Amino acid sequence: MVLQLKEMALSLLPPVDFQPVTSDILFLLILVELFRLLIIYLKEHRVSIGVAVEVSIVSVLRSRSELTYRIVDSLCGCIS
């Protein structure tokens, strides 16, 4: 995860390319949500469906080759 943070910080230097930066941020969100899901499972011996759905949504977003602001905004609105 530290290596991913380093690569993300270096990718923010000019010129900024939106696609790799967004992909790196979404990858970090996937890792954080998976760790959260693991902690919930180890503490309560159950799987939180809400967290699993969040991970799958972020994974689908990351797998798409072209992200548009409309898709990201609509999904953020649905999650909120």
C-alpha atoms as a PDB file:
ATOM      1  CA  MET A   1       0.000   0.000   0.000  1.00  0.00           C
ATOM      2  CA  VAL A   2       2.916   2.327   0.713  1.00  0.00           C
ATOM      3  CA  LEU A   3       4.300   1.727  -2.769  1.00  0.00           C
ATOM      4  CA  GLN A   4       0.906   2.526  -4.249  1.00  0.00           C
ATOM      5  CA  LEU A   5       0.771   5.794  -2.274  1.00  0.00           C
ATOM      6  CA  LYS A   6       4.248   6.699  -3.538  1.00  0.00           C
ATOM      7  CA  GLU A   7       3.271   6.028  -7.160  1.00  0.00           C
ATOM      8  CA  MET A   8       0.092   8.045  -6.719  1.00  0.00           C
ATOM      9  CA  ALA A   9       1.991  11.005  -5.271  1.00  0.00           C
ATOM     10  CA  LEU A  10       4.457  10.923  -8.171  1.00  0.00           C
ATOM     11  CA  SER A  11       1.634  10.762 -10.701  1.00  0.00           C
ATOM     12  CA  LEU A  12       0.222  14.034  -9.333  1.00  0.00           C
ATOM     13  CA  LEU A  13       3.254  15.958 -10.565  1.00  0.00           C
ATOM     14  CA  PRO A  14       2.662  17.958 -13.750  1.00  0.00           C
ATOM     15  CA  PRO A  15       1.442  17.058 -16.301  1.00  0.00           C
ATOM     16  CA  VAL A  16      -1.447  15.350 -14.527  1.00  0.00           C
ATOM     17  CA  ASP A  17      -3.124  12.510 -16.382  1.00  0.00           C
ATOM     18  CA  PHE A  18      -6.617  11.971 -14.973  1.00  0.00           C
ATOM     19  CA  GLN A  19      -6.983   8.270 -15.838  1.00  0.00           C
ATOM     20  CA  PRO A  20      -4.026   6.778 -13.893  1.00  0.00           C
ATOM     21  CA  VAL A  21      -4.584   9.036 -10.878  1.00  0.00           C
ATOM     22  CA  THR A  22      -8.240   8.052 -10.657  1.00  0.00           C
ATOM     23  CA  SER A  23      -7.370   4.401 -11.107  1.00  0.00           C
ATOM     24  CA  ASP A  24      -4.810   4.564  -8.283  1.00  0.00           C
ATOM     25  CA  ILE A  25      -7.246   6.286  -5.934  1.00  0.00           C
ATOM     26  CA  LEU A  26      -9.941   3.719  -6.663  1.00  0.00           C
ATOM     27  CA  PHE A  27      -7.438   0.907  -6.096  1.00  0.00           C
ATOM     28  CA  LEU A  28      -6.623   2.323  -2.654  1.00  0.00           C
ATOM     29  CA  LEU A  29     -10.334   2.560  -1.849  1.00  0.00           C
ATOM     30  CA  ILE A  30     -10.743  -1.099  -2.805  1.00  0.00           C
ATOM     31  CA  LEU A  31      -7.900  -2.086  -0.471  1.00  0.00           C
ATOM     32  CA  VAL A  32      -9.288  -0.035   2.414  1.00  0.00           C
ATOM     33  CA  GLU A  33     -12.771  -1.498   1.992  1.00  0.00           C
ATOM     34  CA  LEU A  34     -11.401  -5.052   1.807  1.00  0.00           C
ATOM     35  CA  PHE A  35      -9.443  -4.525   5.021  1.00  0.00           C
ATOM     36  CA  ARG A  36     -12.586  -3.111   6.631  1.00  0.00           C
ATOM     37  CA  LEU A  37     -14.567  -6.149   5.479  1.00  0.00           C
ATOM     38  CA  LEU A  38     -11.893  -8.474   6.894  1.00  0.00           C
ATOM     39  CA  ILE A  39     -11.920  -6.694  10.267  1.00  0.00           C
ATOM     40  CA  ILE A  40     -15.714  -6.914  10.472  1.00  0.00           C
ATOM     41  CA  TYR A  41     -15.558 -10.603   9.637  1.00  0.00           C
ATOM     42  CA  LEU A  42     -12.872 -11.358  12.211  1.00  0.00           C
ATOM     43  CA  LYS A  43     -14.666  -9.432  14.975  1.00  0.00           C
ATOM     44  CA  GLU A  44     -18.272 -10.423  14.347  1.00  0.00           C
ATOM     45  CA  HIS A  45     -17.936 -13.622  12.246  1.00  0.00           C
ATOM     46  CA  ARG A  46     -20.258 -12.248   9.595  1.00  0.00           C
ATOM     47  CA  VAL A  47     -19.853 -10.499   6.261  1.00  0.00           C
ATOM     48  CA  SER A  48     -21.255  -6.995   5.951  1.00  0.00           C
ATOM     49  CA  ILE A  49     -23.265  -6.844   2.740  1.00  0.00           C
ATOM     50  CA  GLY A  50     -23.023  -3.057   2.602  1.00  0.00           C
ATOM     51  CA  VAL A  51     -19.233  -3.100   2.606  1.00  0.00           C
ATOM     52  CA  ALA A  52     -19.177  -5.915   0.029  1.00  0.00           C
ATOM     53  CA  VAL A  53     -21.447  -3.871  -2.256  1.00  0.00           C
ATOM     54  CA  GLU A  54     -19.214  -0.805  -1.856  1.00  0.00           C
ATOM     55  CA  VAL A  55     -16.147  -2.861  -2.805  1.00  0.00           C
ATOM     56  CA  SER A  56     -17.868  -4.259  -5.867  1.00  0.00           C
ATOM     57  CA  ILE A  57     -19.013  -0.803  -7.030  1.00  0.00           C
ATOM     58  CA  VAL A  58     -15.529   0.636  -6.697  1.00  0.00           C
ATOM     59  CA  SER A  59     -14.062  -2.410  -8.447  1.00  0.00           C
ATOM     60  CA  VAL A  60     -16.418  -1.987 -11.384  1.00  0.00           C
ATOM     61  CA  LEU A  61     -15.543   1.695 -11.620  1.00  0.00           C
ATOM     62  CA  ARG A  62     -11.837   0.910 -11.640  1.00  0.00           C
ATOM     63  CA  SER A  63     -12.210  -1.756 -14.307  1.00  0.00           C
ATOM     64  CA  ARG A  64     -13.871   0.631 -16.724  1.00  0.00           C
ATOM     65  CA  SER A  65     -11.427   2.078 -19.197  1.00  0.00           C
ATOM     66  CA  GLU A  66     -13.157   5.453 -19.487  1.00  0.00           C
ATOM     67  CA  LEU A  67     -14.527   7.197 -16.416  1.00  0.00           C
ATOM     68  CA  THR A  68     -16.765  10.172 -16.927  1.00  0.00           C
ATOM     69  CA  TYR A  69     -17.793  12.722 -14.369  1.00  0.00           C
ATOM     70  CA  ARG A  70     -21.454  11.843 -14.900  1.00  0.00           C
ATOM     71  CA  ILE A  71     -20.913   8.181 -13.903  1.00  0.00           C
ATOM     72  CA  VAL A  72     -18.838   9.069 -10.850  1.00  0.00           C
ATOM     73  CA  ASP A  73     -21.300  11.748  -9.712  1.00  0.00           C
ATOM     74  CA  SER A  74     -24.320   9.491 -10.102  1.00  0.00           C
ATOM     75  CA  LEU A  75     -22.702   6.635  -8.206  1.00  0.00           C
ATOM     76  CA  CYS A  76     -21.542   8.949  -5.417  1.00  0.00           C
ATOM     77  CA  GLY A  77     -25.107  10.203  -5.152  1.00  0.00           C
ATOM     78  CA  CYS A  78     -26.431   6.644  -4.918  1.00  0.00           C
ATOM     79  CA  ILE A  79     -23.943   5.678  -2.219  1.00  0.00           C
ATOM     80  CA  SER A  80     -24.648   8.780  -0.154  1.00  0.00           C
END
